[in-house]
């Protein structure tokens, strides 16, 4: 990967955030189509159930494994000068490419569920996307508080480019707040960072 024993590093918040937009938009699309289907329960019950599922999914995904993330943050070490920082676009592309069939399956499941409970499956998907965005924002607040960006070794991610707090991950690496091309929380930097 890199000379001198360096590691390829991906931003933790970028990997977490990578699934938020696809899940959100697929969920919105599935819910929009689902509303057009009367379904077994009827539209009103479907939308109310969907709203409840949206809230529950947002909270569960947003708060899941925070203790694990916090432990990995506490154990983080400074990144070495030979470590290679992965571009934001590469990490996002790797996650989305690795999860493309899974995304298609959950989208089709959300569409299919509309025949029973209109819009609910799509709103559940959108809630998962919102939860990932919430978790990435929480990581961004931690990064600002620590004044350091958090990175994970690419070879510790799973085969689909995800699970930045999985069992294989031993600790995070930290860099200065201006490193890489993503802002705290994993969003694109609005302006070029001064190095």
N, C-alpha and C. Protein backbone atom coordinates (compact mmCIF):
# COMPACT_ATOMS: atom_id res chain seq x y z
N UNK A 1 0.84 -1.19 0.00
CA UNK A 1 0.00 0.00 0.00
C UNK A 1 0.87 1.25 0.00
N UNK A 2 1.67 1.42 1.05
CA UNK A 2 2.50 2.60 1.16
C UNK A 2 3.93 2.18 1.47
N UNK A 3 4.88 3.06 1.19
CA UNK A 3 6.28 2.77 1.48
C UNK A 3 6.53 2.90 2.97
N UNK A 4 7.55 2.22 3.48
CA UNK A 4 7.96 2.38 4.86
C UNK A 4 6.96 1.82 5.86
N UNK A 5 6.18 0.81 5.47
CA UNK A 5 5.27 0.18 6.41
C UNK A 5 4.01 0.97 6.72
N UNK A 6 3.67 1.95 5.92
CA UNK A 6 2.46 2.74 6.15
C UNK A 6 1.21 1.95 5.83
N UNK A 7 0.08 2.44 6.32
CA UNK A 7 -1.21 1.78 6.10
C UNK A 7 -2.13 2.69 5.29
N UNK A 8 -3.03 2.07 4.54
CA UNK A 8 -4.10 2.83 3.91
C UNK A 8 -5.17 3.10 4.94
N UNK A 9 -5.56 4.35 5.08
CA UNK A 9 -6.53 4.74 6.10
C UNK A 9 -7.75 5.38 5.46
N UNK A 10 -8.94 4.98 5.93
CA UNK A 10 -10.20 5.58 5.47
C UNK A 10 -10.81 6.35 6.64
N UNK A 11 -11.46 7.46 6.34
CA UNK A 11 -12.11 8.24 7.39
C UNK A 11 -13.29 7.48 7.97
N UNK A 12 -13.35 7.37 9.27
CA UNK A 12 -14.42 6.65 9.96
C UNK A 12 -15.78 7.27 9.62
N UNK A 13 -15.88 8.59 9.77
CA UNK A 13 -17.16 9.27 9.54
C UNK A 13 -17.61 9.15 8.08
N UNK A 14 -16.67 9.12 7.15
CA UNK A 14 -17.01 8.99 5.73
C UNK A 14 -17.63 7.61 5.47
N UNK A 15 -17.02 6.56 6.06
CA UNK A 15 -17.54 5.20 5.88
C UNK A 15 -18.94 5.09 6.49
N UNK A 16 -19.12 5.67 7.68
CA UNK A 16 -20.44 5.65 8.34
C UNK A 16 -21.46 6.38 7.48
N UNK A 17 -21.08 7.53 6.97
CA UNK A 17 -21.99 8.40 6.22
C UNK A 17 -22.29 7.89 4.82
N UNK A 18 -21.43 7.00 4.28
CA UNK A 18 -21.54 6.57 2.88
C UNK A 18 -22.90 5.99 2.53
N UNK A 19 -23.52 5.29 3.47
CA UNK A 19 -24.81 4.67 3.19
C UNK A 19 -26.01 5.58 3.42
N UNK A 20 -25.79 6.74 4.01
CA UNK A 20 -26.93 7.57 4.41
C UNK A 20 -27.73 8.09 3.21
N UNK A 21 -27.04 8.61 2.21
CA UNK A 21 -27.76 9.17 1.04
C UNK A 21 -28.49 8.09 0.24
N UNK A 22 -27.85 6.94 -0.10
CA UNK A 22 -28.59 5.92 -0.84
C UNK A 22 -29.81 5.40 -0.08
N UNK A 23 -29.65 5.15 1.22
CA UNK A 23 -30.78 4.64 2.00
C UNK A 23 -31.89 5.68 2.09
N UNK A 24 -31.51 6.94 2.31
CA UNK A 24 -32.51 8.01 2.41
C UNK A 24 -33.31 8.13 1.11
N UNK A 25 -32.60 8.25 -0.03
CA UNK A 25 -33.29 8.48 -1.31
C UNK A 25 -34.06 7.25 -1.79
N UNK A 26 -33.51 6.07 -1.58
CA UNK A 26 -34.26 4.85 -1.93
C UNK A 26 -35.50 4.74 -1.06
N UNK A 27 -35.36 5.11 0.22
CA UNK A 27 -36.50 5.07 1.13
C UNK A 27 -37.58 6.08 0.74
N UNK A 28 -37.16 7.30 0.41
CA UNK A 28 -38.12 8.33 -0.02
C UNK A 28 -38.85 7.89 -1.29
N UNK A 29 -38.09 7.34 -2.23
CA UNK A 29 -38.66 6.88 -3.50
C UNK A 29 -39.66 5.73 -3.26
N UNK A 30 -39.24 4.75 -2.41
CA UNK A 30 -40.11 3.61 -2.11
C UNK A 30 -41.37 4.06 -1.37
N UNK A 31 -41.22 5.02 -0.45
CA UNK A 31 -42.39 5.53 0.29
C UNK A 31 -43.32 6.28 -0.65
N UNK A 32 -42.75 7.06 -1.57
CA UNK A 32 -43.56 7.81 -2.53
C UNK A 32 -44.38 6.89 -3.42
N UNK A 33 -43.76 5.81 -3.89
CA UNK A 33 -44.49 4.83 -4.70
C UNK A 33 -45.50 4.08 -3.83
N UNK A 34 -45.06 3.75 -2.59
CA UNK A 34 -45.91 2.98 -1.68
C UNK A 34 -47.20 3.69 -1.32
N UNK A 35 -47.16 5.02 -1.26
CA UNK A 35 -48.37 5.79 -0.93
C UNK A 35 -49.44 5.62 -2.01
N UNK A 36 -49.01 5.33 -3.24
CA UNK A 36 -49.95 5.16 -4.35
C UNK A 36 -50.70 3.83 -4.28
N UNK A 37 -50.18 2.90 -3.46
CA UNK A 37 -50.79 1.57 -3.35
C UNK A 37 -51.72 1.57 -2.13
N UNK A 38 -52.99 1.17 -2.30
CA UNK A 38 -53.91 1.17 -1.14
C UNK A 38 -53.44 0.26 -0.01
N UNK A 39 -52.92 -0.91 -0.37
CA UNK A 39 -52.41 -1.85 0.63
C UNK A 39 -53.50 -2.47 1.49
N UNK A 40 -53.12 -3.42 2.31
CA UNK A 40 -54.07 -4.14 3.16
C UNK A 40 -54.56 -3.23 4.29
N UNK A 41 -53.64 -2.48 4.88
CA UNK A 41 -53.99 -1.66 6.05
C UNK A 41 -54.62 -0.32 5.67
N UNK A 42 -54.44 0.10 4.42
CA UNK A 42 -54.88 1.44 4.01
C UNK A 42 -53.75 2.45 4.16
N UNK A 43 -53.83 3.53 3.40
CA UNK A 43 -52.75 4.52 3.36
C UNK A 43 -52.51 5.19 4.72
N UNK A 44 -53.58 5.58 5.40
CA UNK A 44 -53.42 6.34 6.65
C UNK A 44 -52.65 5.53 7.69
N UNK A 45 -53.04 4.28 7.89
CA UNK A 45 -52.35 3.43 8.86
C UNK A 45 -50.91 3.17 8.39
N UNK A 46 -50.74 2.96 7.08
CA UNK A 46 -49.41 2.73 6.53
C UNK A 46 -48.47 3.90 6.79
N UNK A 47 -48.95 5.12 6.57
CA UNK A 47 -48.11 6.31 6.77
C UNK A 47 -47.82 6.51 8.26
N UNK A 48 -48.82 6.29 9.11
CA UNK A 48 -48.60 6.42 10.57
C UNK A 48 -47.60 5.38 11.06
N UNK A 49 -47.74 4.13 10.59
CA UNK A 49 -46.79 3.08 10.95
C UNK A 49 -45.40 3.42 10.43
N UNK A 50 -45.35 3.96 9.20
CA UNK A 50 -44.08 4.36 8.60
C UNK A 50 -43.40 5.46 9.40
N UNK A 51 -44.18 6.43 9.88
CA UNK A 51 -43.62 7.52 10.68
C UNK A 51 -43.01 6.98 11.97
N UNK A 52 -43.71 6.03 12.60
CA UNK A 52 -43.18 5.42 13.83
C UNK A 52 -41.89 4.64 13.53
N UNK A 53 -41.90 3.87 12.43
CA UNK A 53 -40.71 3.12 12.04
C UNK A 53 -39.55 4.04 11.71
N UNK A 54 -39.84 5.18 11.07
CA UNK A 54 -38.81 6.16 10.74
C UNK A 54 -38.11 6.65 12.01
N UNK A 55 -38.90 7.01 13.01
CA UNK A 55 -38.35 7.53 14.27
C UNK A 55 -37.52 6.47 14.98
N UNK A 56 -38.06 5.25 15.04
CA UNK A 56 -37.36 4.16 15.73
C UNK A 56 -36.05 3.82 15.00
N UNK A 57 -36.11 3.72 13.66
CA UNK A 57 -34.91 3.37 12.88
C UNK A 57 -33.85 4.46 13.01
N UNK A 58 -34.26 5.72 12.95
CA UNK A 58 -33.30 6.83 13.08
C UNK A 58 -32.58 6.74 14.42
N UNK A 59 -33.35 6.52 15.50
CA UNK A 59 -32.75 6.45 16.84
C UNK A 59 -31.85 5.22 16.98
N UNK A 60 -32.34 4.06 16.53
CA UNK A 60 -31.57 2.82 16.71
C UNK A 60 -30.27 2.84 15.92
N UNK A 61 -30.34 3.25 14.66
CA UNK A 61 -29.13 3.30 13.82
C UNK A 61 -28.20 4.41 14.31
N UNK A 62 -28.78 5.55 14.67
CA UNK A 62 -27.96 6.68 15.10
C UNK A 62 -27.21 6.44 16.39
N UNK A 63 -27.80 5.65 17.30
CA UNK A 63 -27.19 5.44 18.62
C UNK A 63 -26.53 4.07 18.77
N UNK A 64 -26.69 3.18 17.79
CA UNK A 64 -26.12 1.84 17.88
C UNK A 64 -24.59 1.88 17.96
N UNK A 65 -24.06 1.07 18.86
CA UNK A 65 -22.62 0.83 18.99
C UNK A 65 -21.81 2.08 19.35
N UNK A 66 -22.44 3.08 19.93
CA UNK A 66 -21.69 4.29 20.29
C UNK A 66 -20.61 4.00 21.33
N UNK A 67 -20.87 3.04 22.24
CA UNK A 67 -19.85 2.69 23.24
C UNK A 67 -18.62 2.11 22.56
N UNK A 68 -18.86 1.29 21.53
CA UNK A 68 -17.74 0.69 20.79
C UNK A 68 -16.94 1.78 20.07
N UNK A 69 -17.64 2.70 19.41
CA UNK A 69 -16.96 3.81 18.75
C UNK A 69 -16.16 4.62 19.75
N UNK A 70 -16.77 4.92 20.90
CA UNK A 70 -16.08 5.74 21.93
C UNK A 70 -14.83 5.04 22.43
N UNK A 71 -14.89 3.69 22.62
CA UNK A 71 -13.72 2.93 23.07
C UNK A 71 -12.61 2.98 22.02
N UNK A 72 -12.98 2.86 20.74
CA UNK A 72 -11.98 2.92 19.67
C UNK A 72 -11.37 4.32 19.56
N UNK A 73 -12.18 5.34 19.82
CA UNK A 73 -11.66 6.71 19.79
C UNK A 73 -10.66 6.92 20.92
N UNK A 74 -11.00 6.41 22.12
CA UNK A 74 -10.08 6.55 23.26
C UNK A 74 -8.75 5.83 23.01
N UNK A 75 -8.80 4.71 22.26
CA UNK A 75 -7.59 3.93 21.98
C UNK A 75 -6.84 4.42 20.75
N UNK A 76 -7.30 5.51 20.14
CA UNK A 76 -6.68 5.95 18.87
C UNK A 76 -5.24 6.41 19.06
N UNK A 77 -4.45 6.17 18.03
CA UNK A 77 -3.04 6.57 18.02
C UNK A 77 -2.82 7.53 16.86
N UNK A 78 -1.75 8.26 16.94
CA UNK A 78 -1.43 9.22 15.88
C UNK A 78 -1.07 8.47 14.60
N UNK A 79 -1.60 8.92 13.47
CA UNK A 79 -1.25 8.31 12.18
C UNK A 79 0.22 8.59 11.88
N UNK A 80 0.87 7.63 11.23
CA UNK A 80 2.28 7.79 10.88
C UNK A 80 2.46 8.58 9.60
N UNK A 81 3.67 9.07 9.39
CA UNK A 81 3.91 9.91 8.20
C UNK A 81 3.84 9.10 6.91
N UNK A 82 3.97 7.77 7.02
CA UNK A 82 3.90 6.93 5.81
C UNK A 82 2.49 6.41 5.54
N UNK A 83 1.57 6.67 6.44
CA UNK A 83 0.18 6.23 6.22
C UNK A 83 -0.43 7.00 5.05
N UNK A 84 -1.22 6.28 4.26
CA UNK A 84 -1.85 6.87 3.07
C UNK A 84 -3.31 7.15 3.38
N UNK A 85 -3.70 8.42 3.29
CA UNK A 85 -5.07 8.82 3.59
C UNK A 85 -5.94 8.65 2.35
N UNK A 86 -6.99 7.87 2.49
CA UNK A 86 -7.88 7.59 1.36
C UNK A 86 -8.80 8.79 1.10
N UNK A 87 -8.98 9.11 -0.18
CA UNK A 87 -9.89 10.20 -0.53
C UNK A 87 -11.32 9.85 -0.14
N UNK A 88 -12.10 10.88 0.18
CA UNK A 88 -13.50 10.69 0.55
C UNK A 88 -14.27 9.94 -0.54
N UNK A 89 -14.06 10.35 -1.80
CA UNK A 89 -14.80 9.74 -2.92
C UNK A 89 -14.50 8.25 -3.04
N UNK A 90 -13.27 7.85 -2.75
CA UNK A 90 -12.89 6.43 -2.85
C UNK A 90 -13.60 5.62 -1.78
N UNK A 91 -13.62 6.12 -0.54
CA UNK A 91 -14.29 5.41 0.55
C UNK A 91 -15.79 5.27 0.29
N UNK A 92 -16.40 6.35 -0.19
CA UNK A 92 -17.84 6.32 -0.51
C UNK A 92 -18.11 5.33 -1.63
N UNK A 93 -17.29 5.38 -2.68
CA UNK A 93 -17.48 4.47 -3.82
C UNK A 93 -17.31 3.02 -3.40
N UNK A 94 -16.31 2.74 -2.57
CA UNK A 94 -16.08 1.37 -2.11
C UNK A 94 -17.27 0.84 -1.32
N UNK A 95 -17.83 1.69 -0.42
CA UNK A 95 -18.98 1.26 0.37
C UNK A 95 -20.18 1.00 -0.54
N UNK A 96 -20.45 1.93 -1.43
CA UNK A 96 -21.65 1.81 -2.29
C UNK A 96 -21.52 0.67 -3.28
N UNK A 97 -20.33 0.46 -3.79
CA UNK A 97 -20.12 -0.67 -4.72
C UNK A 97 -20.26 -2.00 -3.96
N UNK A 98 -19.72 -2.05 -2.75
CA UNK A 98 -19.80 -3.27 -1.95
C UNK A 98 -21.21 -3.61 -1.48
N UNK A 99 -22.07 -2.58 -1.36
CA UNK A 99 -23.42 -2.78 -0.84
C UNK A 99 -24.51 -2.66 -1.92
N UNK A 100 -24.12 -2.58 -3.19
CA UNK A 100 -25.12 -2.28 -4.23
C UNK A 100 -26.23 -3.32 -4.31
N UNK A 101 -25.90 -4.63 -4.19
CA UNK A 101 -26.93 -5.66 -4.29
C UNK A 101 -27.81 -5.66 -3.04
N UNK A 102 -27.19 -5.41 -1.90
CA UNK A 102 -27.95 -5.32 -0.66
C UNK A 102 -28.93 -4.14 -0.72
N UNK A 103 -28.47 -3.00 -1.25
CA UNK A 103 -29.34 -1.82 -1.39
C UNK A 103 -30.51 -2.13 -2.32
N UNK A 104 -30.23 -2.84 -3.42
CA UNK A 104 -31.29 -3.20 -4.36
C UNK A 104 -32.33 -4.10 -3.68
N UNK A 105 -31.85 -5.08 -2.92
CA UNK A 105 -32.76 -6.02 -2.25
C UNK A 105 -33.64 -5.31 -1.22
N UNK A 106 -33.05 -4.42 -0.41
CA UNK A 106 -33.87 -3.75 0.61
C UNK A 106 -34.85 -2.77 -0.04
N UNK A 107 -34.45 -2.18 -1.16
CA UNK A 107 -35.36 -1.30 -1.89
C UNK A 107 -36.56 -2.08 -2.43
N UNK A 108 -36.28 -3.25 -3.03
CA UNK A 108 -37.36 -4.10 -3.55
C UNK A 108 -38.26 -4.60 -2.42
N UNK A 109 -37.66 -4.92 -1.27
CA UNK A 109 -38.45 -5.35 -0.11
C UNK A 109 -39.34 -4.22 0.38
N UNK A 110 -38.81 -2.99 0.39
CA UNK A 110 -39.61 -1.83 0.81
C UNK A 110 -40.77 -1.59 -0.15
N UNK A 111 -40.50 -1.75 -1.44
CA UNK A 111 -41.58 -1.60 -2.43
C UNK A 111 -42.64 -2.69 -2.25
N UNK A 112 -42.18 -3.92 -2.07
CA UNK A 112 -43.10 -5.04 -1.91
C UNK A 112 -43.97 -4.91 -0.67
N UNK A 113 -43.39 -4.36 0.40
CA UNK A 113 -44.14 -4.23 1.65
C UNK A 113 -45.30 -3.24 1.53
N UNK A 114 -45.25 -2.37 0.51
CA UNK A 114 -46.32 -1.38 0.32
C UNK A 114 -47.67 -2.04 0.03
N UNK A 115 -47.64 -3.26 -0.50
CA UNK A 115 -48.90 -3.96 -0.77
C UNK A 115 -49.58 -4.40 0.53
N UNK A 116 -48.81 -4.47 1.61
CA UNK A 116 -49.39 -4.78 2.92
C UNK A 116 -49.58 -3.50 3.72
N UNK A 117 -48.49 -2.73 3.89
CA UNK A 117 -48.53 -1.51 4.70
C UNK A 117 -47.94 -0.38 3.85
N UNK A 118 -48.77 0.41 3.17
CA UNK A 118 -48.27 1.44 2.25
C UNK A 118 -47.27 2.40 2.90
N UNK A 119 -46.17 2.64 2.21
CA UNK A 119 -45.14 3.63 2.55
C UNK A 119 -44.26 3.25 3.75
N UNK A 120 -44.69 2.29 4.57
CA UNK A 120 -43.96 2.01 5.81
C UNK A 120 -42.53 1.52 5.56
N UNK A 121 -42.36 0.59 4.60
CA UNK A 121 -41.03 0.07 4.31
C UNK A 121 -40.08 1.15 3.83
N UNK A 122 -40.58 2.02 2.97
CA UNK A 122 -39.75 3.13 2.47
C UNK A 122 -39.36 4.08 3.58
N UNK A 123 -40.29 4.36 4.49
CA UNK A 123 -39.97 5.26 5.60
C UNK A 123 -38.99 4.63 6.58
N UNK A 124 -39.05 3.31 6.72
CA UNK A 124 -38.07 2.59 7.54
C UNK A 124 -36.67 2.73 6.93
N UNK A 125 -36.57 2.54 5.61
CA UNK A 125 -35.29 2.71 4.91
C UNK A 125 -34.75 4.12 5.08
N UNK A 126 -35.63 5.11 4.87
CA UNK A 126 -35.22 6.52 5.01
C UNK A 126 -34.75 6.79 6.44
N UNK A 127 -35.39 6.16 7.42
CA UNK A 127 -34.98 6.32 8.82
C UNK A 127 -33.58 5.77 9.06
N UNK A 128 -33.25 4.64 8.42
CA UNK A 128 -31.90 4.09 8.53
C UNK A 128 -30.87 5.06 7.95
N UNK A 129 -31.21 5.67 6.81
CA UNK A 129 -30.32 6.67 6.22
C UNK A 129 -30.14 7.88 7.12
N UNK A 130 -31.23 8.34 7.73
CA UNK A 130 -31.16 9.48 8.65
C UNK A 130 -30.33 9.12 9.89
N UNK A 131 -30.45 7.88 10.36
CA UNK A 131 -29.67 7.43 11.51
C UNK A 131 -28.18 7.42 11.23
N UNK A 132 -27.79 7.00 10.04
CA UNK A 132 -26.37 7.02 9.67
C UNK A 132 -25.85 8.46 9.61
N UNK A 133 -26.66 9.37 9.10
CA UNK A 133 -26.26 10.78 9.07
C UNK A 133 -26.11 11.33 10.49
N UNK A 134 -27.03 10.92 11.39
CA UNK A 134 -26.96 11.33 12.80
C UNK A 134 -25.68 10.82 13.45
N UNK A 135 -25.33 9.55 13.18
CA UNK A 135 -24.11 8.98 13.75
C UNK A 135 -22.87 9.68 13.22
N UNK A 136 -22.86 9.98 11.92
CA UNK A 136 -21.72 10.69 11.33
C UNK A 136 -21.58 12.09 11.94
N UNK A 137 -22.70 12.75 12.19
CA UNK A 137 -22.67 14.08 12.83
C UNK A 137 -22.12 13.98 14.25
N UNK A 138 -22.49 12.92 14.98
CA UNK A 138 -21.96 12.69 16.33
C UNK A 138 -20.45 12.48 16.27
N UNK A 139 -19.98 11.69 15.30
CA UNK A 139 -18.54 11.49 15.13
C UNK A 139 -17.85 12.81 14.80
N UNK A 140 -18.51 13.64 13.99
CA UNK A 140 -17.95 14.95 13.66
C UNK A 140 -17.79 15.83 14.90
N UNK A 141 -18.77 15.78 15.81
CA UNK A 141 -18.66 16.55 17.06
C UNK A 141 -17.50 16.04 17.91
N UNK A 142 -17.33 14.70 17.94
CA UNK A 142 -16.20 14.13 18.67
C UNK A 142 -14.87 14.57 18.05
N UNK A 143 -14.82 14.59 16.72
CA UNK A 143 -13.59 15.01 16.04
C UNK A 143 -13.26 16.47 16.35
N UNK A 144 -14.28 17.33 16.35
CA UNK A 144 -14.04 18.74 16.68
C UNK A 144 -13.59 18.89 18.13
N UNK A 145 -14.21 18.12 19.02
CA UNK A 145 -13.84 18.20 20.45
C UNK A 145 -12.40 17.73 20.66
N UNK A 146 -12.00 16.68 19.93
CA UNK A 146 -10.64 16.15 20.06
C UNK A 146 -9.65 16.93 19.20
N UNK A 147 -10.18 17.77 18.32
CA UNK A 147 -9.35 18.51 17.35
C UNK A 147 -8.48 17.55 16.53
N UNK A 148 -9.09 16.43 16.16
CA UNK A 148 -8.39 15.41 15.37
C UNK A 148 -9.41 14.63 14.54
N UNK A 149 -9.04 14.31 13.31
CA UNK A 149 -9.88 13.48 12.46
C UNK A 149 -9.59 12.02 12.73
N UNK A 150 -10.61 11.19 12.67
CA UNK A 150 -10.49 9.76 12.98
C UNK A 150 -10.44 8.92 11.71
N UNK A 151 -9.49 8.00 11.66
CA UNK A 151 -9.27 7.15 10.50
C UNK A 151 -9.23 5.70 10.94
N UNK A 152 -9.59 4.79 10.02
CA UNK A 152 -9.54 3.36 10.28
C UNK A 152 -8.74 2.70 9.16
N UNK A 153 -7.99 1.68 9.52
CA UNK A 153 -7.21 0.97 8.50
C UNK A 153 -8.16 0.33 7.49
N UNK A 154 -7.87 0.50 6.22
CA UNK A 154 -8.72 -0.04 5.16
C UNK A 154 -8.79 -1.56 5.24
N UNK A 155 -7.68 -2.21 5.59
CA UNK A 155 -7.68 -3.67 5.65
C UNK A 155 -8.44 -4.21 6.87
N UNK A 156 -8.89 -3.32 7.76
CA UNK A 156 -9.71 -3.75 8.89
C UNK A 156 -11.21 -3.61 8.57
N UNK A 157 -11.55 -2.94 7.48
CA UNK A 157 -12.95 -2.86 7.06
C UNK A 157 -13.36 -4.21 6.48
N UNK A 158 -14.66 -4.46 6.41
CA UNK A 158 -15.09 -5.74 5.84
C UNK A 158 -14.93 -5.72 4.32
N UNK A 159 -15.25 -6.84 3.68
CA UNK A 159 -15.05 -6.98 2.24
C UNK A 159 -15.87 -6.03 1.40
N UNK A 160 -16.90 -5.41 2.01
CA UNK A 160 -17.74 -4.47 1.28
C UNK A 160 -17.40 -3.01 1.60
N UNK A 161 -16.29 -2.81 2.32
CA UNK A 161 -15.86 -1.44 2.62
C UNK A 161 -16.59 -0.79 3.76
N UNK A 162 -17.22 -1.59 4.63
CA UNK A 162 -17.98 -1.05 5.74
C UNK A 162 -17.52 -1.58 7.08
N UNK A 163 -18.35 -1.41 8.12
CA UNK A 163 -18.10 -1.84 9.49
C UNK A 163 -16.84 -1.21 10.09
N UNK A 164 -16.82 0.12 10.21
CA UNK A 164 -15.64 0.78 10.79
C UNK A 164 -15.52 0.60 12.30
N UNK A 165 -16.48 -0.07 12.93
CA UNK A 165 -16.37 -0.40 14.35
C UNK A 165 -16.53 -1.91 14.54
N UNK A 166 -16.21 -2.68 13.50
CA UNK A 166 -16.34 -4.13 13.55
C UNK A 166 -15.29 -4.78 14.43
N UNK A 167 -15.38 -6.11 14.60
CA UNK A 167 -14.47 -6.85 15.47
C UNK A 167 -13.02 -6.75 15.01
N UNK A 168 -12.80 -6.64 13.70
CA UNK A 168 -11.43 -6.58 13.18
C UNK A 168 -10.72 -5.28 13.54
N UNK A 169 -11.48 -4.24 13.88
CA UNK A 169 -10.90 -2.92 14.15
C UNK A 169 -10.39 -2.88 15.58
N UNK A 170 -9.08 -2.63 15.73
CA UNK A 170 -8.45 -2.60 17.06
C UNK A 170 -8.43 -1.19 17.64
N UNK A 171 -8.19 -0.19 16.81
CA UNK A 171 -8.13 1.21 17.27
C UNK A 171 -8.17 2.09 16.04
N UNK A 172 -8.48 3.35 16.26
CA UNK A 172 -8.46 4.32 15.16
C UNK A 172 -7.11 5.02 15.13
N UNK A 173 -6.88 5.70 14.04
CA UNK A 173 -5.72 6.58 13.92
C UNK A 173 -6.23 8.01 13.89
N UNK A 174 -5.42 8.93 14.35
CA UNK A 174 -5.81 10.33 14.36
C UNK A 174 -4.87 11.18 13.54
N UNK A 175 -5.41 12.22 12.91
CA UNK A 175 -4.59 13.20 12.19
C UNK A 175 -5.07 14.59 12.58
N UNK A 176 -4.35 15.59 12.12
CA UNK A 176 -4.79 16.96 12.32
C UNK A 176 -6.12 17.21 11.63
N UNK A 177 -6.81 18.23 12.08
CA UNK A 177 -8.16 18.53 11.60
C UNK A 177 -8.19 18.91 10.12
N UNK A 178 -7.05 19.32 9.56
CA UNK A 178 -7.01 19.76 8.16
C UNK A 178 -6.63 18.63 7.19
N UNK A 179 -6.34 17.44 7.71
CA UNK A 179 -5.90 16.34 6.85
C UNK A 179 -7.05 15.81 5.99
N UNK A 180 -6.72 15.31 4.82
CA UNK A 180 -7.72 14.70 3.95
C UNK A 180 -8.64 15.71 3.30
N UNK A 181 -9.62 15.18 2.57
CA UNK A 181 -10.51 16.05 1.79
C UNK A 181 -11.94 16.04 2.31
N UNK A 182 -12.14 15.59 3.57
CA UNK A 182 -13.48 15.60 4.17
C UNK A 182 -13.45 16.35 5.48
N UNK A 183 -14.50 17.10 5.75
CA UNK A 183 -14.63 17.86 6.99
C UNK A 183 -14.98 16.93 8.15
N UNK A 184 -14.90 17.41 9.40
CA UNK A 184 -15.38 16.59 10.52
C UNK A 184 -16.82 16.13 10.28
N UNK A 185 -17.09 14.86 10.54
CA UNK A 185 -18.40 14.30 10.25
C UNK A 185 -18.50 13.65 8.89
N UNK A 186 -17.48 13.79 8.06
CA UNK A 186 -17.43 13.08 6.79
C UNK A 186 -17.97 13.80 5.57
N UNK A 187 -18.50 15.02 5.75
CA UNK A 187 -19.01 15.77 4.59
C UNK A 187 -17.86 16.31 3.75
N UNK A 188 -18.15 16.69 2.53
CA UNK A 188 -17.13 17.34 1.70
C UNK A 188 -16.70 18.65 2.34
N UNK A 189 -15.44 18.96 2.22
CA UNK A 189 -14.97 20.26 2.70
C UNK A 189 -15.53 21.35 1.80
N UNK A 190 -16.01 22.42 2.41
CA UNK A 190 -16.58 23.52 1.62
C UNK A 190 -15.49 24.32 0.93
N UNK A 191 -14.36 24.46 1.60
CA UNK A 191 -13.22 25.19 1.02
C UNK A 191 -11.98 24.33 1.20
N UNK A 192 -11.00 24.59 0.40
CA UNK A 192 -9.75 23.84 0.49
C UNK A 192 -9.11 24.14 1.84
N UNK A 193 -8.70 23.08 2.53
CA UNK A 193 -8.07 23.25 3.85
C UNK A 193 -6.65 23.77 3.69
N UNK A 194 -6.25 24.66 4.57
CA UNK A 194 -4.88 25.15 4.57
C UNK A 194 -4.02 24.15 5.33
N UNK A 195 -2.93 23.74 4.72
CA UNK A 195 -2.04 22.76 5.36
C UNK A 195 -0.77 23.44 5.76
